[in-house]
Amino acid sequence: MTKIELGTMMKRLRDEALAAAPADCLEPMEGVVTQIDGFRCTARFGELEMGVDEPVIFGGTGTAPNPAEVALAGLGASIQVTLLCYAGYLDIDVGDLQVKLSGALDARGFFDIDPTAPVGFYDIDARVSFTGKASAAELAQLFACVEKCCPVLAVFREPMTVNLSFDQRES
């Protein structure tokens, strides 16, 4: 999709959302994660499927990213999509983008050894590099859009309710 096509699509979708009732703006998502062998599992969302595993040192097969890496990948991809959408909409030249992510999990939190250690990431660094000719002012405008509108960034930053339940099923 070209930058012009992306900008046109973004404007059309934004106009549709402005005119729609709030309930019509929801984008339902649903998936199933199924254990394959040990920690290795398959995540299926619609017709799309991806593997998730743990490293060998942690008892996995090391054949796919671990869940924390998948979360980072989702964050990086969402930052990239948000940047590209708003760059097209605002006609800002970012060229090609790359989002490099890093973070560290504290094993003390996972193993419930230290109640002060977080179970998740302490913090995450996301560094965006680009090949385009965007000015510093344009980049500031784009980053403000990402800070405000990136859905997966909001998942990491804003508390929300996750309703966890258990159902016993036939094997």
N, C-alpha and C. Protein backbone atom coordinates (compact mmCIF):
# COMPACT_ATOMS: atom_id res chain seq x y z
N MET A 1 0.85 -1.17 0.00
CA MET A 1 0.00 0.00 0.00
C MET A 1 0.90 1.24 0.00
N THR A 2 0.64 2.15 -0.91
CA THR A 2 1.45 3.37 -0.98
C THR A 2 1.05 4.33 0.14
N LYS A 3 1.90 5.34 0.34
CA LYS A 3 1.62 6.34 1.37
C LYS A 3 0.31 7.07 1.05
N ILE A 4 0.07 7.34 -0.23
CA ILE A 4 -1.17 8.04 -0.63
C ILE A 4 -2.38 7.15 -0.34
N GLU A 5 -2.29 5.87 -0.70
CA GLU A 5 -3.39 4.94 -0.43
C GLU A 5 -3.63 4.81 1.07
N LEU A 6 -2.55 4.75 1.83
CA LEU A 6 -2.66 4.63 3.29
C LEU A 6 -3.32 5.88 3.88
N GLY A 7 -2.91 7.04 3.40
CA GLY A 7 -3.51 8.29 3.87
C GLY A 7 -4.99 8.37 3.54
N THR A 8 -5.37 7.94 2.32
CA THR A 8 -6.77 7.93 1.90
C THR A 8 -7.58 6.96 2.75
N MET A 9 -7.04 5.76 2.97
CA MET A 9 -7.73 4.77 3.79
C MET A 9 -7.92 5.30 5.22
N MET A 10 -6.87 5.88 5.77
CA MET A 10 -6.92 6.40 7.14
C MET A 10 -7.99 7.49 7.26
N LYS A 11 -8.04 8.39 6.27
CA LYS A 11 -9.05 9.46 6.29
C LYS A 11 -10.45 8.86 6.21
N ARG A 12 -10.66 7.89 5.32
CA ARG A 12 -11.98 7.27 5.16
C ARG A 12 -12.41 6.57 6.45
N LEU A 13 -11.52 5.76 7.03
CA LEU A 13 -11.85 5.04 8.25
C LEU A 13 -12.09 5.99 9.42
N ARG A 14 -11.31 7.05 9.47
CA ARG A 14 -11.48 8.04 10.55
C ARG A 14 -12.82 8.75 10.41
N ASP A 15 -13.18 9.12 9.17
CA ASP A 15 -14.47 9.77 8.93
C ASP A 15 -15.63 8.83 9.30
N GLU A 16 -15.50 7.54 8.96
CA GLU A 16 -16.53 6.56 9.31
C GLU A 16 -16.67 6.45 10.82
N ALA A 17 -15.55 6.44 11.53
CA ALA A 17 -15.59 6.33 12.99
C ALA A 17 -16.21 7.59 13.62
N LEU A 18 -15.92 8.75 13.03
CA LEU A 18 -16.51 10.00 13.53
C LEU A 18 -18.03 9.99 13.41
N ALA A 19 -18.55 9.39 12.32
CA ALA A 19 -19.99 9.38 12.06
C ALA A 19 -20.72 8.23 12.76
N ALA A 20 -20.00 7.24 13.22
CA ALA A 20 -20.62 6.02 13.77
C ALA A 20 -20.98 6.18 15.24
N ALA A 21 -21.90 5.34 15.67
CA ALA A 21 -22.23 5.23 17.10
C ALA A 21 -21.05 4.55 17.79
N PRO A 22 -20.80 4.87 19.06
CA PRO A 22 -19.67 4.27 19.77
C PRO A 22 -19.64 2.74 19.69
N ALA A 23 -20.78 2.09 19.81
CA ALA A 23 -20.82 0.62 19.77
C ALA A 23 -20.37 0.08 18.41
N ASP A 24 -20.57 0.87 17.36
CA ASP A 24 -20.18 0.43 16.02
C ASP A 24 -18.69 0.63 15.76
N CYS A 25 -17.99 1.25 16.68
CA CYS A 25 -16.55 1.48 16.52
C CYS A 25 -15.70 0.40 17.19
N LEU A 26 -16.34 -0.53 17.87
CA LEU A 26 -15.60 -1.60 18.54
C LEU A 26 -15.13 -2.63 17.52
N GLU A 27 -13.92 -3.09 17.68
CA GLU A 27 -13.34 -4.11 16.79
C GLU A 27 -13.10 -5.37 17.62
N PRO A 28 -14.10 -6.27 17.67
CA PRO A 28 -13.94 -7.47 18.49
C PRO A 28 -12.80 -8.35 17.99
N MET A 29 -12.07 -8.91 18.92
CA MET A 29 -10.98 -9.84 18.60
C MET A 29 -11.11 -11.05 19.50
N GLU A 30 -10.82 -12.21 18.94
CA GLU A 30 -10.94 -13.44 19.70
C GLU A 30 -9.92 -14.43 19.17
N GLY A 31 -9.30 -15.15 20.06
CA GLY A 31 -8.32 -16.15 19.65
C GLY A 31 -8.29 -17.30 20.63
N VAL A 32 -7.59 -18.35 20.24
CA VAL A 32 -7.43 -19.53 21.08
C VAL A 32 -5.96 -19.92 21.07
N VAL A 33 -5.42 -20.18 22.24
CA VAL A 33 -4.05 -20.67 22.37
C VAL A 33 -4.14 -22.12 22.85
N THR A 34 -3.55 -23.04 22.08
CA THR A 34 -3.66 -24.47 22.35
C THR A 34 -2.28 -25.07 22.58
N GLN A 35 -2.14 -25.80 23.68
CA GLN A 35 -0.88 -26.48 23.99
C GLN A 35 -0.64 -27.56 22.94
N ILE A 36 0.58 -27.62 22.41
CA ILE A 36 0.97 -28.63 21.44
C ILE A 36 1.82 -29.70 22.12
N ASP A 37 2.90 -29.25 22.76
CA ASP A 37 3.82 -30.18 23.43
C ASP A 37 4.62 -29.40 24.45
N GLY A 38 4.54 -29.77 25.71
CA GLY A 38 5.26 -29.03 26.74
C GLY A 38 4.79 -27.59 26.78
N PHE A 39 5.72 -26.65 26.65
CA PHE A 39 5.36 -25.23 26.62
C PHE A 39 4.99 -24.75 25.23
N ARG A 40 5.31 -25.54 24.20
CA ARG A 40 5.04 -25.12 22.82
C ARG A 40 3.53 -25.10 22.60
N CYS A 41 3.05 -23.99 22.03
CA CYS A 41 1.63 -23.86 21.77
C CYS A 41 1.40 -23.12 20.46
N THR A 42 0.17 -23.17 20.02
CA THR A 42 -0.24 -22.47 18.81
C THR A 42 -1.31 -21.45 19.18
N ALA A 43 -1.12 -20.24 18.72
CA ALA A 43 -2.12 -19.19 18.91
C ALA A 43 -2.84 -18.99 17.59
N ARG A 44 -4.16 -19.13 17.60
CA ARG A 44 -4.95 -18.98 16.37
C ARG A 44 -5.93 -17.83 16.56
N PHE A 45 -5.88 -16.90 15.62
CA PHE A 45 -6.79 -15.77 15.57
C PHE A 45 -7.38 -15.73 14.17
N GLY A 46 -8.65 -16.11 14.05
CA GLY A 46 -9.26 -16.24 12.73
C GLY A 46 -8.56 -17.34 11.97
N GLU A 47 -8.14 -17.03 10.76
CA GLU A 47 -7.44 -18.01 9.92
C GLU A 47 -5.93 -17.97 10.12
N LEU A 48 -5.45 -17.09 10.97
CA LEU A 48 -4.01 -16.92 11.16
C LEU A 48 -3.53 -17.68 12.38
N GLU A 49 -2.32 -18.21 12.27
CA GLU A 49 -1.77 -19.03 13.34
C GLU A 49 -0.30 -18.68 13.55
N MET A 50 0.13 -18.73 14.80
CA MET A 50 1.55 -18.53 15.10
C MET A 50 1.95 -19.40 16.27
N GLY A 51 3.21 -19.77 16.30
CA GLY A 51 3.73 -20.58 17.39
C GLY A 51 4.25 -19.72 18.52
N VAL A 52 4.17 -20.25 19.72
CA VAL A 52 4.73 -19.61 20.92
C VAL A 52 5.38 -20.73 21.72
N ASP A 53 6.53 -20.47 22.30
CA ASP A 53 7.28 -21.50 23.03
C ASP A 53 8.11 -20.82 24.11
N GLU A 54 8.88 -21.60 24.79
CA GLU A 54 9.86 -21.10 25.75
C GLU A 54 11.24 -21.55 25.28
N PRO A 55 12.30 -20.87 25.71
CA PRO A 55 13.64 -21.31 25.35
C PRO A 55 13.96 -22.67 25.98
N VAL A 56 14.91 -23.36 25.39
CA VAL A 56 15.32 -24.68 25.88
C VAL A 56 15.73 -24.60 27.35
N ILE A 57 16.46 -23.55 27.73
CA ILE A 57 16.94 -23.42 29.10
C ILE A 57 15.79 -23.34 30.11
N PHE A 58 14.60 -22.96 29.62
CA PHE A 58 13.43 -22.84 30.49
C PHE A 58 12.46 -24.01 30.30
N GLY A 59 12.90 -25.05 29.59
CA GLY A 59 12.08 -26.25 29.42
C GLY A 59 11.29 -26.31 28.14
N GLY A 60 11.45 -25.33 27.28
CA GLY A 60 10.76 -25.34 26.00
C GLY A 60 11.60 -25.98 24.91
N THR A 61 11.12 -25.88 23.69
CA THR A 61 11.87 -26.42 22.55
C THR A 61 12.67 -25.34 21.83
N GLY A 62 12.41 -24.08 22.17
CA GLY A 62 13.13 -22.98 21.54
C GLY A 62 12.77 -22.79 20.08
N THR A 63 11.58 -23.24 19.66
CA THR A 63 11.21 -23.18 18.25
C THR A 63 10.36 -21.97 17.88
N ALA A 64 10.03 -21.14 18.85
CA ALA A 64 9.21 -19.96 18.59
C ALA A 64 9.48 -18.93 19.68
N PRO A 65 9.09 -17.68 19.45
CA PRO A 65 9.27 -16.68 20.49
C PRO A 65 8.50 -17.06 21.75
N ASN A 66 9.00 -16.60 22.91
CA ASN A 66 8.26 -16.87 24.15
C ASN A 66 7.15 -15.83 24.31
N PRO A 67 6.22 -16.04 25.24
CA PRO A 67 5.09 -15.12 25.37
C PRO A 67 5.49 -13.66 25.58
N ALA A 68 6.54 -13.40 26.35
CA ALA A 68 6.97 -12.02 26.56
C ALA A 68 7.50 -11.41 25.27
N GLU A 69 8.21 -12.21 24.47
CA GLU A 69 8.69 -11.73 23.17
C GLU A 69 7.53 -11.46 22.22
N VAL A 70 6.51 -12.30 22.27
CA VAL A 70 5.32 -12.08 21.45
C VAL A 70 4.64 -10.77 21.86
N ALA A 71 4.59 -10.50 23.16
CA ALA A 71 4.02 -9.23 23.64
C ALA A 71 4.83 -8.05 23.12
N LEU A 72 6.16 -8.16 23.16
CA LEU A 72 7.02 -7.09 22.62
C LEU A 72 6.80 -6.93 21.12
N ALA A 73 6.67 -8.05 20.41
CA ALA A 73 6.42 -7.99 18.96
C ALA A 73 5.10 -7.28 18.67
N GLY A 74 4.07 -7.59 19.46
CA GLY A 74 2.79 -6.91 19.29
C GLY A 74 2.91 -5.41 19.52
N LEU A 75 3.68 -5.04 20.53
CA LEU A 75 3.90 -3.62 20.82
C LEU A 75 4.64 -2.95 19.66
N GLY A 76 5.73 -3.56 19.21
CA GLY A 76 6.50 -2.98 18.11
C GLY A 76 5.69 -2.85 16.83
N ALA A 77 4.93 -3.89 16.51
CA ALA A 77 4.11 -3.86 15.30
C ALA A 77 3.03 -2.79 15.41
N SER A 78 2.43 -2.65 16.58
CA SER A 78 1.39 -1.65 16.77
C SER A 78 1.95 -0.23 16.68
N ILE A 79 3.13 -0.02 17.22
CA ILE A 79 3.79 1.29 17.08
C ILE A 79 4.04 1.57 15.61
N GLN A 80 4.55 0.58 14.89
CA GLN A 80 4.84 0.76 13.46
C GLN A 80 3.57 1.05 12.67
N VAL A 81 2.51 0.28 12.89
CA VAL A 81 1.26 0.50 12.17
C VAL A 81 0.70 1.89 12.47
N THR A 82 0.71 2.27 13.74
CA THR A 82 0.19 3.59 14.12
C THR A 82 1.00 4.70 13.45
N LEU A 83 2.32 4.56 13.48
CA LEU A 83 3.18 5.56 12.82
C LEU A 83 2.89 5.64 11.33
N LEU A 84 2.80 4.50 10.66
CA LEU A 84 2.56 4.49 9.21
C LEU A 84 1.19 5.06 8.87
N CYS A 85 0.17 4.71 9.65
CA CYS A 85 -1.18 5.24 9.39
C CYS A 85 -1.20 6.75 9.52
N TYR A 86 -0.64 7.26 10.60
CA TYR A 86 -0.66 8.71 10.81
C TYR A 86 0.31 9.43 9.88
N ALA A 87 1.41 8.81 9.51
CA ALA A 87 2.31 9.42 8.53
C ALA A 87 1.58 9.58 7.19
N GLY A 88 0.83 8.55 6.79
CA GLY A 88 0.04 8.65 5.56
C GLY A 88 -1.04 9.70 5.67
N TYR A 89 -1.75 9.71 6.78
CA TYR A 89 -2.85 10.65 7.00
C TYR A 89 -2.35 12.10 7.02
N LEU A 90 -1.19 12.32 7.65
CA LEU A 90 -0.64 13.68 7.79
C LEU A 90 0.34 14.03 6.68
N ASP A 91 0.54 13.10 5.74
CA ASP A 91 1.46 13.28 4.61
C ASP A 91 2.88 13.60 5.09
N ILE A 92 3.39 12.76 5.98
CA ILE A 92 4.74 12.90 6.51
C ILE A 92 5.59 11.75 5.99
N ASP A 93 6.76 12.06 5.46
CA ASP A 93 7.65 11.05 4.87
C ASP A 93 8.51 10.40 5.95
N VAL A 94 8.15 9.17 6.32
CA VAL A 94 8.98 8.42 7.26
C VAL A 94 9.79 7.33 6.56
N GLY A 95 9.50 7.08 5.28
CA GLY A 95 10.20 6.01 4.56
C GLY A 95 9.90 4.66 5.19
N ASP A 96 10.93 3.86 5.34
CA ASP A 96 10.79 2.55 5.97
C ASP A 96 11.06 2.68 7.47
N LEU A 97 10.30 1.94 8.25
CA LEU A 97 10.42 2.00 9.70
C LEU A 97 10.96 0.70 10.27
N GLN A 98 11.65 0.82 11.38
CA GLN A 98 12.05 -0.33 12.18
C GLN A 98 11.88 0.06 13.65
N VAL A 99 11.28 -0.83 14.42
CA VAL A 99 11.10 -0.58 15.85
C VAL A 99 11.91 -1.63 16.60
N LYS A 100 12.92 -1.19 17.35
CA LYS A 100 13.74 -2.10 18.14
C LYS A 100 13.26 -2.02 19.58
N LEU A 101 12.95 -3.19 20.15
CA LEU A 101 12.41 -3.25 21.51
C LEU A 101 13.32 -4.03 22.42
N SER A 102 13.37 -3.61 23.67
CA SER A 102 14.12 -4.37 24.67
C SER A 102 13.48 -4.16 26.03
N GLY A 103 13.61 -5.17 26.85
CA GLY A 103 13.08 -5.14 28.20
C GLY A 103 13.62 -6.35 28.93
N ALA A 104 13.43 -6.42 30.22
CA ALA A 104 13.90 -7.56 31.00
C ALA A 104 12.82 -7.99 31.98
N LEU A 105 12.63 -9.29 32.08
CA LEU A 105 11.73 -9.86 33.08
C LEU A 105 12.56 -10.27 34.29
N ASP A 106 12.00 -10.11 35.46
CA ASP A 106 12.69 -10.48 36.70
C ASP A 106 12.16 -11.84 37.15
N ALA A 107 13.01 -12.87 37.13
CA ALA A 107 12.60 -14.23 37.50
C ALA A 107 12.06 -14.28 38.92
N ARG A 108 12.49 -13.36 39.79
CA ARG A 108 12.00 -13.36 41.18
C ARG A 108 10.50 -13.11 41.24
N GLY A 109 9.97 -12.33 40.30
CA GLY A 109 8.54 -12.09 40.26
C GLY A 109 7.78 -13.32 39.78
N PHE A 110 8.27 -13.94 38.71
CA PHE A 110 7.61 -15.14 38.17
C PHE A 110 7.59 -16.28 39.17
N PHE A 111 8.70 -16.47 39.87
CA PHE A 111 8.80 -17.57 40.83
C PHE A 111 8.27 -17.20 42.22
N ASP A 112 7.71 -16.01 42.36
CA ASP A 112 7.12 -15.55 43.62
C ASP A 112 8.12 -15.61 44.78
N ILE A 113 9.36 -15.21 44.48
CA ILE A 113 10.43 -15.22 45.47
C ILE A 113 10.49 -13.90 46.24
N ASP A 114 10.24 -12.80 45.52
CA ASP A 114 10.34 -11.47 46.11
C ASP A 114 9.07 -10.70 45.79
N PRO A 115 8.27 -10.38 46.80
CA PRO A 115 7.01 -9.68 46.54
C PRO A 115 7.19 -8.28 45.96
N THR A 116 8.40 -7.73 46.04
CA THR A 116 8.62 -6.40 45.48
C THR A 116 9.06 -6.46 44.02
N ALA A 117 9.42 -7.65 43.53
CA ALA A 117 9.85 -7.78 42.14
C ALA A 117 8.63 -7.87 41.23
N PRO A 118 8.63 -7.12 40.12
CA PRO A 118 7.49 -7.19 39.22
C PRO A 118 7.42 -8.55 38.52
N VAL A 119 6.21 -8.97 38.21
CA VAL A 119 6.03 -10.21 37.46
C VAL A 119 6.33 -9.93 35.98
N GLY A 120 6.00 -8.76 35.51
CA GLY A 120 6.24 -8.40 34.12
C GLY A 120 7.52 -7.60 33.95
N PHE A 121 7.54 -6.83 32.89
CA PHE A 121 8.70 -5.99 32.59
C PHE A 121 8.82 -4.84 33.58
N TYR A 122 10.07 -4.50 33.94
CA TYR A 122 10.31 -3.27 34.70
C TYR A 122 9.97 -2.09 33.81
N ASP A 123 10.58 -2.08 32.66
CA ASP A 123 10.31 -1.07 31.65
C ASP A 123 10.69 -1.63 30.29
N ILE A 124 10.26 -0.95 29.26
CA ILE A 124 10.52 -1.38 27.89
C ILE A 124 11.07 -0.18 27.14
N ASP A 125 12.12 -0.41 26.38
CA ASP A 125 12.65 0.62 25.48
C ASP A 125 12.20 0.27 24.07
N ALA A 126 11.60 1.25 23.39
CA ALA A 126 11.19 1.09 21.99
C ALA A 126 11.85 2.21 21.20
N ARG A 127 12.73 1.85 20.29
CA ARG A 127 13.47 2.84 19.50
C ARG A 127 13.07 2.69 18.04
N VAL A 128 12.55 3.77 17.47
CA VAL A 128 12.08 3.76 16.09
C VAL A 128 13.17 4.38 15.21
N SER A 129 13.54 3.67 14.16
CA SER A 129 14.43 4.25 13.15
C SER A 129 13.67 4.31 11.83
N PHE A 130 14.01 5.28 11.01
CA PHE A 130 13.28 5.49 9.76
C PHE A 130 14.24 6.00 8.69
N THR A 131 13.82 5.86 7.43
CA THR A 131 14.67 6.27 6.31
C THR A 131 14.15 7.53 5.63
N GLY A 132 13.01 8.05 6.04
CA GLY A 132 12.37 9.17 5.36
C GLY A 132 12.99 10.52 5.68
N LYS A 133 12.34 11.55 5.16
CA LYS A 133 12.83 12.93 5.28
C LYS A 133 12.00 13.77 6.25
N ALA A 134 11.30 13.14 7.17
CA ALA A 134 10.46 13.87 8.12
C ALA A 134 11.31 14.84 8.94
N SER A 135 10.76 16.02 9.17
CA SER A 135 11.45 17.02 9.99
C SER A 135 11.26 16.70 11.47
N ALA A 136 12.01 17.39 12.30
CA ALA A 136 11.88 17.19 13.75
C ALA A 136 10.46 17.53 14.21
N ALA A 137 9.87 18.59 13.66
CA ALA A 137 8.51 18.98 14.03
C ALA A 137 7.50 17.91 13.59
N GLU A 138 7.69 17.36 12.40
CA GLU A 138 6.78 16.30 11.91
C GLU A 138 6.91 15.04 12.77
N LEU A 139 8.15 14.70 13.13
CA LEU A 139 8.35 13.53 14.00
C LEU A 139 7.69 13.73 15.36
N ALA A 140 7.79 14.93 15.90
CA ALA A 140 7.15 15.21 17.18
C ALA A 140 5.63 15.05 17.05
N GLN A 141 5.07 15.49 15.93
CA GLN A 141 3.64 15.34 15.69
C GLN A 141 3.26 13.85 15.59
N LEU A 142 4.06 13.07 14.89
CA LEU A 142 3.80 11.63 14.76
C LEU A 142 3.91 10.93 16.10
N PHE A 143 4.94 11.24 16.86
CA PHE A 143 5.12 10.58 18.15
C PHE A 143 3.99 10.95 19.11
N ALA A 144 3.45 12.16 19.00
CA ALA A 144 2.29 12.53 19.81
C ALA A 144 1.09 11.66 19.43
N CYS A 145 0.93 11.37 18.13
CA CYS A 145 -0.15 10.48 17.68
C CYS A 145 0.04 9.08 18.24
N VAL A 146 1.27 8.57 18.23
CA VAL A 146 1.54 7.23 18.77
C VAL A 146 1.25 7.21 20.27
N GLU A 147 1.73 8.20 20.99
CA GLU A 147 1.51 8.27 22.44
C GLU A 147 0.02 8.25 22.76
N LYS A 148 -0.79 8.90 21.93
CA LYS A 148 -2.21 9.04 22.21
C LYS A 148 -3.05 7.91 21.61
N CYS A 149 -2.66 7.36 20.45
CA CYS A 149 -3.56 6.51 19.67
C CYS A 149 -3.11 5.08 19.47
N CYS A 150 -1.93 4.69 19.89
CA CYS A 150 -1.43 3.33 19.65
C CYS A 150 -2.11 2.35 20.60
N PRO A 151 -2.93 1.42 20.07
CA PRO A 151 -3.72 0.55 20.96
C PRO A 151 -2.89 -0.38 21.84
N VAL A 152 -1.85 -0.98 21.31
CA VAL A 152 -1.08 -1.92 22.13
C VAL A 152 -0.20 -1.17 23.12
N LEU A 153 0.26 0.01 22.77
CA LEU A 153 0.98 0.84 23.74
C LEU A 153 0.06 1.14 24.93
N ALA A 154 -1.21 1.40 24.65
CA ALA A 154 -2.18 1.64 25.73
C ALA A 154 -2.36 0.40 26.60
N VAL A 155 -2.32 -0.79 26.00
CA VAL A 155 -2.44 -2.03 26.77
C VAL A 155 -1.30 -2.12 27.79
N PHE A 156 -0.10 -1.76 27.38
CA PHE A 156 1.05 -1.82 28.27
C PHE A 156 1.01 -0.73 29.34
N ARG A 157 0.43 0.41 29.02
CA ARG A 157 0.49 1.55 29.93
C ARG A 157 -0.70 1.71 30.85
N GLU A 158 -1.88 1.31 30.42
CA GLU A 158 -3.09 1.61 31.16
C GLU A 158 -3.65 0.36 31.83
N PRO A 159 -4.01 0.46 33.10
CA PRO A 159 -4.61 -0.70 33.75
C PRO A 159 -5.96 -1.03 33.12
N MET A 160 -6.28 -2.30 33.07
CA MET A 160 -7.56 -2.74 32.55
C MET A 160 -7.98 -4.01 33.27
N THR A 161 -9.20 -4.39 33.08
CA THR A 161 -9.71 -5.60 33.68
C THR A 161 -9.44 -6.78 32.75
N VAL A 162 -8.87 -7.83 33.28
CA VAL A 162 -8.73 -9.09 32.55
C VAL A 162 -9.50 -10.12 33.37
N ASN A 163 -10.55 -10.66 32.80
CA ASN A 163 -11.40 -11.63 33.50
C ASN A 163 -10.87 -13.03 33.24
N LEU A 164 -10.15 -13.57 34.20
CA LEU A 164 -9.54 -14.89 34.08
C LEU A 164 -10.45 -15.91 34.74
N SER A 165 -10.76 -16.99 34.02
CA SER A 165 -11.59 -18.05 34.60
C SER A 165 -11.04 -19.40 34.15
N PHE A 166 -11.44 -20.45 34.85
CA PHE A 166 -10.99 -21.80 34.54
C PHE A 166 -12.20 -22.69 34.29
N ASP A 167 -12.14 -23.49 33.24
CA ASP A 167 -13.19 -24.46 32.93
C ASP A 167 -12.54 -25.81 32.72
N GLN A 168 -13.01 -26.82 33.43
CA GLN A 168 -12.50 -28.17 33.20
C GLN A 168 -13.21 -28.75 31.99
N ARG A 169 -12.44 -29.33 31.08
CA ARG A 169 -13.03 -29.92 29.87
C ARG A 169 -12.59 -31.36 29.74
N GLU A 170 -13.28 -32.09 28.89
CA GLU A 170 -12.93 -33.49 28.63
C GLU A 170 -11.58 -33.54 27.92
N SER A 171 -10.75 -34.57 28.24
CA SER A 171 -9.47 -34.68 27.55
C SER A 171 -9.59 -35.45 26.27
